[in-house]
Protein backbone atom coordinates (compact mmCIF):
# COMPACT_ATOMS: atom_id res chain seq x y z
CA UNK A 1 123.94 3.37 78.03
CA UNK A 2 123.08 2.04 81.46
CA UNK A 3 119.54 1.47 82.72
CA UNK A 4 118.08 3.12 85.80
CA UNK A 5 114.90 2.47 87.78
CA UNK A 6 111.89 4.63 86.90
CA UNK A 7 108.35 5.13 88.17
CA UNK A 8 105.57 4.92 85.60
CA UNK A 9 103.43 7.98 86.36
CA UNK A 10 100.09 8.23 84.50
CA UNK A 11 99.88 11.37 82.37
CA UNK A 12 96.90 12.70 84.29
CA UNK A 13 98.86 12.53 87.57
CA UNK A 14 102.20 13.82 86.24
CA UNK A 15 101.68 17.48 86.95
CA UNK A 16 101.16 16.85 90.63
CA UNK A 17 103.36 13.81 91.28
CA UNK A 18 106.55 14.74 89.45
CA UNK A 19 107.14 18.00 91.48
CA UNK A 20 106.46 16.06 94.64
CA UNK A 21 109.07 13.38 93.74
CA UNK A 22 111.65 16.02 92.84
CA UNK A 23 110.97 18.07 96.02
CA UNK A 24 111.35 14.97 98.26
CA UNK A 25 114.61 13.92 96.63
CA UNK A 26 113.20 10.76 95.14
CA UNK A 27 113.46 11.55 91.41
CA UNK A 28 116.86 11.74 89.78
CA UNK A 29 117.18 15.43 88.76
CA UNK A 30 120.12 14.70 86.39
CA UNK A 31 118.23 12.25 84.22
CA UNK A 32 115.68 12.71 81.51
CA UNK A 33 111.94 12.10 82.04
CA UNK A 34 110.56 10.20 79.05
CA UNK A 35 107.15 9.18 77.75
CA UNK A 36 105.59 5.79 77.03
CA UNK A 37 101.96 5.15 76.01
CA UNK A 38 100.16 7.46 78.43
CA UNK A 39 102.88 7.44 81.11
CA UNK A 40 105.84 9.53 82.19
CA UNK A 41 108.89 7.47 83.06
CA UNK A 42 110.52 9.33 85.93
CA UNK A 43 114.09 8.14 86.79
CA UNK A 44 114.53 7.44 90.47
CA UNK A 45 117.52 7.44 92.74
CA UNK A 46 118.29 3.72 93.39
CA UNK A 47 117.98 3.99 97.16
CA UNK A 48 114.61 5.69 96.91
CA UNK A 49 112.76 3.11 94.78
CA UNK A 50 110.97 1.56 97.78
CA UNK A 51 109.35 4.83 98.66
CA UNK A 52 107.20 4.81 95.51
CA UNK A 53 107.03 1.15 94.50
CA UNK A 54 103.80 0.71 96.47
CA UNK A 55 102.14 3.55 94.52
CA UNK A 56 103.51 3.11 90.95
CA UNK A 57 104.85 0.40 88.74
CA UNK A 58 108.61 0.40 88.55
CA UNK A 59 110.39 -0.17 85.29
CA UNK A 60 113.78 0.50 83.71
CA UNK A 61 114.65 3.41 81.46
CA UNK A 62 117.82 4.63 79.77
CA UNK A 63 119.85 7.16 81.83
CA UNK A 64 120.03 10.11 79.43
CA UNK A 65 121.91 12.78 81.32
CA UNK A 66 120.60 16.33 80.89
CA UNK A 67 124.01 17.66 79.99
CA UNK A 68 124.07 15.59 76.80
CA UNK A 69 120.53 16.47 75.72
CA UNK A 70 119.55 19.16 73.22
CA UNK A 71 118.35 22.45 74.74
CA UNK A 72 114.79 21.69 73.73
CA UNK A 73 114.83 18.44 75.69
CA UNK A 74 116.37 20.14 78.76
CA UNK A 75 113.63 22.80 78.65
CA UNK A 76 110.93 20.15 78.54
CA UNK A 77 112.61 18.29 81.42
CA UNK A 78 112.87 21.47 83.50
CA UNK A 79 109.22 22.26 82.98
CA UNK A 80 107.93 18.65 83.13
CA UNK A 81 105.93 19.42 86.27
CA UNK A 82 103.68 21.71 84.28
CA UNK A 83 100.38 20.27 82.91
CA UNK A 84 100.82 18.19 79.79
CA UNK A 85 98.55 20.52 77.75
CA UNK A 86 101.05 23.30 78.49
CA UNK A 87 104.29 21.44 77.89
CA UNK A 88 102.96 20.23 74.54
CA UNK A 89 102.67 23.89 73.45
CA UNK A 90 106.09 25.08 74.59
CA UNK A 91 108.03 26.58 71.64
CA UNK A 92 111.00 24.52 70.43
CA UNK A 93 112.34 27.46 68.34
CA UNK A 94 113.22 30.94 69.39
CA UNK A 95 114.89 34.13 68.21
CA UNK A 96 118.08 35.43 69.78
CA UNK A 97 119.11 39.09 69.85
CA UNK A 98 122.40 39.00 71.71
CA UNK A 99 121.43 37.97 75.23
CA UNK A 100 117.71 38.63 74.69
CA UNK A 101 115.45 35.71 73.74
CA UNK A 102 112.08 36.00 71.94
CA UNK A 103 109.50 33.20 72.14
CA UNK A 104 106.25 32.71 70.23
CA UNK A 105 104.23 31.59 73.27
CA UNK A 106 100.75 30.21 73.11
CA UNK A 107 98.26 32.24 75.14
CA UNK A 108 97.43 29.22 77.27
CA UNK A 109 101.06 29.15 78.54
CA UNK A 110 100.93 32.74 79.91
CA UNK A 111 99.53 31.54 83.25
CA UNK A 112 102.96 30.01 83.84
CA UNK A 113 105.01 32.74 82.17
CA UNK A 114 107.42 33.41 85.00
CA UNK A 115 108.41 29.76 85.38
CA UNK A 116 108.66 29.37 81.61
CA UNK A 117 110.73 32.51 81.12
CA UNK A 118 113.14 31.53 83.89
CA UNK A 119 113.68 27.99 82.46
CA UNK A 120 114.45 29.30 78.92
CA UNK A 121 116.74 31.96 80.34
CA UNK A 122 118.77 29.60 82.43
CA UNK A 123 119.07 26.80 79.90
CA UNK A 124 119.80 29.10 76.94
CA UNK A 125 121.98 31.55 78.90
CA UNK A 126 119.74 34.50 78.12
CA UNK A 127 119.57 37.66 80.23
CA UNK A 128 115.98 38.45 79.21
CA UNK A 129 113.14 36.42 77.76
CA UNK A 130 110.21 38.02 75.97
CA UNK A 131 107.01 36.63 74.50
CA UNK A 132 105.90 37.83 71.05
CA UNK A 133 102.25 38.30 71.94
CA UNK A 134 100.69 39.30 68.62
CA UNK A 135 103.35 40.15 66.06
CA UNK A 136 103.66 43.70 64.73
CA UNK A 137 101.02 46.27 64.09
CA UNK A 138 100.41 49.86 63.04
CA UNK A 139 102.19 52.14 60.58
CA UNK A 140 105.49 51.71 62.36
CA UNK A 141 105.19 47.93 62.61
CA UNK A 142 105.72 48.05 66.36
CA UNK A 143 105.99 44.61 68.09
CA UNK A 144 103.73 43.54 70.90
CA UNK A 145 106.09 41.98 73.49
CA UNK A 146 105.65 40.85 77.06
CA UNK A 147 108.72 40.42 79.30
CA UNK A 148 108.76 36.95 80.98
CA UNK A 149 112.13 37.15 82.62
CA UNK A 150 114.76 39.87 83.15
CA UNK A 151 114.49 43.53 82.26
CA UNK A 152 117.08 44.28 79.57
CA UNK A 153 115.35 44.54 76.19
CA UNK A 154 118.00 46.26 74.06
CA UNK A 155 120.80 44.11 72.63
CA UNK A 156 122.92 43.60 69.51
CA UNK A 157 122.34 40.91 66.92
CA UNK A 158 125.18 39.81 64.66
CA UNK A 159 124.01 38.61 61.25
CA UNK A 160 126.29 37.93 58.28
CA UNK A 161 128.96 40.42 59.38
CA UNK A 162 126.43 43.20 60.26
CA UNK A 163 125.66 44.40 63.80
CA UNK A 164 122.04 45.38 64.52
CA UNK A 165 121.43 47.19 67.81
CA UNK A 166 117.78 47.52 68.78
CA UNK A 167 115.13 47.12 71.50
CA UNK A 168 112.92 44.16 70.90
CA UNK A 169 109.99 45.87 72.59
CA UNK A 170 110.16 48.98 70.43
CA UNK A 171 111.12 47.94 66.90
CA UNK A 172 110.63 44.81 64.77
CA UNK A 173 113.26 42.59 63.30
CA UNK A 174 112.03 40.30 60.52
CA UNK A 175 114.16 37.20 60.90
CA UNK A 176 112.42 35.68 57.87
CA UNK A 177 114.06 38.31 55.67
CA UNK A 178 117.60 36.92 56.22
CA UNK A 179 118.03 35.76 52.62
CA UNK A 180 116.97 39.14 51.29
CA UNK A 181 119.40 40.93 53.55
CA UNK A 182 122.14 38.58 52.34
CA UNK A 183 121.11 39.36 48.75
CA UNK A 184 121.50 43.07 49.35
CA UNK A 185 125.00 42.32 50.59
CA UNK A 186 125.83 40.45 47.35
CA UNK A 187 124.55 43.10 44.89
CA UNK A 188 126.98 44.97 42.69
CA UNK A 189 126.20 48.65 43.45
CA UNK A 190 129.63 50.02 42.53
CA UNK A 191 129.46 53.81 42.38
CA UNK A 192 125.63 53.86 42.66
CA UNK A 193 123.44 56.31 44.50
CA UNK A 194 120.89 54.28 46.49
CA UNK A 195 117.76 55.30 48.33
CA UNK A 196 116.22 53.11 51.04
CA UNK A 197 112.73 54.52 51.39
CA UNK A 198 111.88 52.39 54.48
CA UNK A 199 115.26 52.05 56.22
CA UNK A 200 114.05 51.01 59.66
CA UNK A 201 117.08 50.24 61.85
CA UNK A 202 119.09 49.52 58.70
CA UNK A 203 117.81 46.05 57.74
CA UNK A 204 118.80 46.32 54.05
CA UNK A 205 120.79 49.56 54.17
CA UNK A 206 123.54 48.19 56.34
CA UNK A 207 124.54 45.05 54.39
CA UNK A 208 124.25 46.89 51.05
CA UNK A 209 126.30 49.84 52.28
CA UNK A 210 129.02 47.67 53.81
CA UNK A 211 129.51 45.08 51.09
CA UNK A 212 127.92 46.17 47.76
CA UNK A 213 130.21 49.25 47.26
CA UNK A 214 127.61 52.02 46.64
CA UNK A 215 128.73 55.67 46.42
CA UNK A 216 126.05 56.95 48.75
CA UNK A 217 122.94 55.53 50.43
CA UNK A 218 120.12 57.80 51.49
CA UNK A 219 118.38 55.94 54.35
CA UNK A 220 114.95 57.39 55.07
CA UNK A 221 112.95 56.46 58.21
CA UNK A 222 109.81 57.94 59.56
CA UNK A 223 109.65 56.21 63.02
CA UNK A 224 111.79 58.27 65.48
CA UNK A 225 112.65 55.20 67.60
CA UNK A 226 113.74 53.13 64.59
CA UNK A 227 115.66 56.14 63.33
CA UNK A 228 117.56 56.37 66.65
CA UNK A 229 118.72 52.78 66.24
CA UNK A 230 119.58 53.44 62.61
CA UNK A 231 121.99 56.14 63.72
CA UNK A 232 123.52 53.80 66.27
CA UNK A 233 123.93 51.03 63.67
CA UNK A 234 125.52 53.27 61.13
CA UNK A 235 128.21 54.14 63.70
CA UNK A 236 128.43 50.61 64.97
CA UNK A 237 129.22 49.26 61.49
CA UNK A 238 131.57 52.12 60.54
CA UNK A 239 129.37 53.43 57.69
CA UNK A 240 129.14 57.15 58.50
CA UNK A 241 130.92 58.01 55.28
CA UNK A 242 128.49 56.02 53.05
CA UNK A 243 125.03 56.34 54.61
CA UNK A 244 123.07 59.63 54.86
CA UNK A 245 120.24 59.09 57.41
CA UNK A 246 117.05 61.03 56.96
CA UNK A 247 114.25 61.30 59.52
CA UNK A 248 110.88 61.86 57.94
CA UNK A 249 108.33 60.71 55.39
CA UNK A 250 109.96 59.42 52.22
CA UNK A 251 107.34 61.25 50.15
CA UNK A 252 109.03 64.51 51.25
CA UNK A 253 112.42 63.53 49.93
CA UNK A 254 113.78 66.32 47.63
CA UNK A 255 115.29 65.86 44.17
CA UNK A 256 114.37 64.26 40.87
CA UNK A 257 115.73 61.29 38.94
CA UNK A 258 119.00 60.93 40.82
CA UNK A 259 118.87 57.39 42.27
CA UNK A 260 120.38 54.38 40.49
CA UNK A 261 118.63 52.00 42.89
CA UNK A 262 115.68 52.27 45.28
CA UNK A 263 114.75 49.80 48.09
CA UNK A 264 111.11 49.60 49.01
CA UNK A 265 111.18 47.18 51.92
CA UNK A 266 107.63 47.68 53.12
CA UNK A 267 104.52 45.54 52.56
CA UNK A 268 100.76 45.80 52.07
CA UNK A 269 100.60 49.52 51.26
CA UNK A 270 103.82 49.79 49.28
CA UNK A 271 102.01 50.83 46.09
CA UNK A 272 101.04 54.17 47.68
CA UNK A 273 104.74 55.13 47.65
CA UNK A 274 105.58 53.94 44.13
CA UNK A 275 104.84 57.35 42.41
CA UNK A 276 107.46 58.96 44.67
CA UNK A 277 109.99 56.20 43.89
CA UNK A 278 109.44 56.76 40.20
CA UNK A 279 110.15 60.49 40.59
CA UNK A 280 113.43 59.66 42.30
CA UNK A 281 114.78 56.88 40.07
CA UNK A 282 117.02 57.52 37.03
CA UNK A 283 116.08 56.09 33.62
CA UNK A 284 117.54 52.61 33.64
CA UNK A 285 117.52 52.44 37.43
CA UNK A 286 116.23 49.48 39.47
CA UNK A 287 113.48 49.42 42.12
CA UNK A 288 113.40 46.55 44.58
CA UNK A 289 109.66 46.53 45.24
CA UNK A 290 108.33 44.53 48.24
CA UNK A 291 104.67 43.65 48.74
CA UNK A 292 102.31 40.86 49.69
CA UNK A 293 100.30 38.97 47.03
CA UNK A 294 98.27 35.74 46.80
CA UNK A 295 100.70 32.94 45.98
CA UNK A 296 101.14 32.26 42.25
CA UNK A 297 99.72 35.64 41.34
CA UNK A 298 102.79 37.71 41.96
CA UNK A 299 103.74 38.42 38.36
CA UNK A 300 100.28 39.49 37.43
CA UNK A 301 99.95 41.70 40.53
CA UNK A 302 103.36 43.36 40.16
CA UNK A 303 102.59 44.11 36.48
CA UNK A 304 99.30 45.65 37.47
CA UNK A 305 100.89 47.87 40.20
CA UNK A 306 103.58 49.20 37.89
CA UNK A 307 101.36 49.55 34.80
CA UNK A 308 99.02 51.87 36.67
CA UNK A 309 101.75 54.48 37.39
CA UNK A 310 104.64 53.76 34.98
CA UNK A 311 105.04 53.74 31.20
CA UNK A 312 108.06 51.54 30.37
CA UNK A 313 109.45 49.06 32.83
CA UNK A 314 110.93 45.52 32.83
CA UNK A 315 110.40 42.98 35.57
CA UNK A 316 113.85 41.37 35.99
CA UNK A 317 113.01 38.93 38.71
CA UNK A 318 110.41 38.23 41.38
CA UNK A 319 111.48 36.33 44.51
CA UNK A 320 109.46 34.98 47.39
CA UNK A 321 110.84 36.40 50.60
CA UNK A 322 108.71 34.43 53.01
CA UNK A 323 105.18 33.17 53.71
CA UNK A 324 103.04 35.98 55.07
CA UNK A 325 99.63 34.33 55.72
CA UNK A 326 97.77 31.27 54.44
CA UNK A 327 97.75 31.58 50.68
CA UNK A 328 99.72 34.85 50.78
CA UNK A 329 103.44 35.48 50.48
CA UNK A 330 105.81 38.38 50.81
CA UNK A 331 107.53 38.95 47.45
CA UNK A 332 110.28 41.30 46.16
CA UNK A 333 110.32 42.34 42.50
CA UNK A 334 113.37 43.73 40.83
CA UNK A 335 112.03 46.20 38.26
CA UNK A 336 114.08 48.27 35.79
CA UNK A 337 112.55 51.59 34.92
CA UNK A 338 113.09 52.67 31.29
CA UNK A 339 111.75 56.25 31.46
């Protein structure tokens, strides 16, 4: 790799000097700006070295071209004129929902949100960029999003053969639950009647219905906006003959002891809905019970929850879905109900 001349710009001057060098056609826009012990090494066009040599020390640096750099490095280069305390906090991971991008952006970066949003959009070929401001909240787990760039917020995410259509500003999508969605796909539900008590947009309903061979899946969802996307996703994945969507509170579901399997993909207040699940499950049926517990206490906590409302049950397996908070994890317990 060839060497090119570079100006050693002190870190405390970088936010002002680098944009100036780029604007005046002195810095080489196609080469990577690197760091070295409190300095930014800014590649220069060879015929422009004399214009800055009286102000800054000139050295040589490797000519990394932007086209060969990882997207994260191209983003940092594009935004290198921002203050160092901002560029250090730029996210190097993101979520993609089709052509919509979601960033976890530090609050201190919001002052530069338009510039940041545009850079991520152009480098990652996104139509819209949103910032996840404060996660999800409320009974319907609605996300708090701020649009940084663009205006299209509904798109389609393809995951493990399933299409999920949703609006990132209206409904959540738990990317950390990917393994559990894949597990639902790999279950053997041949001929079963399944109830998803918290269907959302079809997070677990869709992979189970498409690949696990159930007879029927009753997908219950209380949030009207999530329910609208559930209807779209049922059609989008060709599952209208398998899934029966239901808008309303799952505690109002009719019938007794008819389900072979029940999905309870909710957390924190899931135990409030367990008595209803027990009234719907057949003897010998399985409940996939989701909840949050202190780490390493999951077996004791699941046993306590079920013992309070159920006579005979067997915990088949407890799996950690993802970390939820410091010292707390989201777990799913597979529990067989005997009577």
